[in-house]
Amino acid sequence: MSSKNEISLCVARAMERYFADLDGEAVTGVYEMVLRQVEIPLLTAVMQQTGNNQTQAAEMLGMTRNTLRRKLIEHGLL
């Protein structure tokens, strides 16, 4: 199984547990919640992988360095 598939399965399982825990309770904003929960560990891992080189990290993530920097600041990672 590829790493991409593992990440998808991990998210799918987490979402199944999340909805099961809600026990039918109404919820909104799931998309934004999931993105915020995934973005922080993603940014942290990529920054570690690149030795905190923002230019390399931005390239790896497919975003501009300015966007990466904004996200790092927004999440308190910088």
Protein backbone atom coordinates (compact mmCIF):
# COMPACT_ATOMS: atom_id res chain seq x y z
CA MET A 1 0.00 0.00 0.00
CA SER A 2 1.37 3.41 -0.90
CA SER A 3 1.81 6.20 1.63
CA LYS A 4 -0.87 8.21 -0.19
CA ASN A 5 -3.38 5.42 0.36
CA GLU A 6 -2.35 5.13 4.02
CA ILE A 7 -3.01 8.85 4.57
CA SER A 8 -6.43 8.54 2.90
CA LEU A 9 -7.35 5.53 5.00
CA CYS A 10 -6.21 7.28 8.17
CA VAL A 11 -8.42 10.29 7.42
CA ALA A 12 -11.35 8.06 6.46
CA ARG A 13 -11.10 6.09 9.72
CA ALA A 14 -10.80 9.27 11.77
CA MET A 15 -13.90 10.70 10.08
CA GLU A 16 -15.85 7.49 10.73
CA ARG A 17 -14.95 7.70 14.43
CA TYR A 18 -15.76 11.41 14.51
CA PHE A 19 -19.26 10.89 13.08
CA ALA A 20 -19.86 7.85 15.29
CA ASP A 21 -18.92 9.90 18.37
CA LEU A 22 -21.41 12.58 17.34
CA ASP A 23 -24.16 10.00 17.70
CA GLY A 24 -26.41 11.80 15.20
CA GLU A 25 -25.78 15.30 16.61
CA ALA A 26 -25.83 18.03 13.94
CA VAL A 27 -22.47 19.43 12.92
CA THR A 28 -21.24 22.18 10.59
CA GLY A 29 -17.84 23.32 9.36
CA VAL A 30 -16.39 19.82 9.00
CA TYR A 31 -14.31 20.74 5.94
CA GLU A 32 -12.54 23.63 7.67
CA MET A 33 -12.06 21.61 10.87
CA VAL A 34 -10.40 18.73 9.01
CA LEU A 35 -8.15 21.04 7.01
CA ARG A 36 -6.98 22.81 10.16
CA GLN A 37 -6.34 19.51 11.94
CA VAL A 38 -4.34 18.10 9.02
CA GLU A 39 -2.49 21.29 8.09
CA ILE A 40 -0.55 21.70 11.34
CA PRO A 41 1.06 18.23 11.39
CA LEU A 42 1.64 18.48 7.62
CA LEU A 43 3.48 21.78 7.94
CA THR A 44 5.43 20.52 10.95
CA ALA A 45 6.53 17.35 9.16
CA VAL A 46 7.56 19.16 5.98
CA MET A 47 9.49 21.79 7.92
CA GLN A 48 11.33 19.04 9.82
CA GLN A 49 12.02 17.16 6.59
CA THR A 50 13.56 20.27 5.00
CA GLY A 51 15.53 21.32 8.09
CA ASN A 52 13.24 24.37 8.46
CA ASN A 53 14.18 25.63 5.00
CA GLN A 54 11.07 27.59 4.04
CA THR A 55 11.97 27.79 0.35
CA GLN A 56 12.38 24.00 0.07
CA ALA A 57 9.28 23.38 2.20
CA ALA A 58 7.16 25.71 0.06
CA GLU A 59 8.36 23.96 -3.09
CA MET A 60 7.62 20.55 -1.58
CA LEU A 61 4.12 21.71 -0.61
CA GLY A 62 3.44 23.35 -3.97
CA MET A 63 2.89 26.84 -2.56
CA THR A 64 4.77 30.11 -2.49
CA ARG A 65 7.17 30.85 0.32
CA ASN A 66 4.99 33.79 1.37
CA THR A 67 1.92 31.53 1.65
CA LEU A 68 3.90 29.00 3.68
CA ARG A 69 5.21 31.73 5.97
CA ARG A 70 1.67 33.08 6.50
CA LYS A 71 0.41 29.61 7.38
CA LEU A 72 3.32 28.96 9.77
CA ILE A 73 2.60 32.24 11.56
CA GLU A 74 -1.17 31.59 11.57
CA HIS A 75 -0.62 28.24 13.31
CA GLY A 76 2.03 29.54 15.71
CA LEU A 77 4.73 27.42 14.10
CA LEU A 78 7.07 30.32 13.42
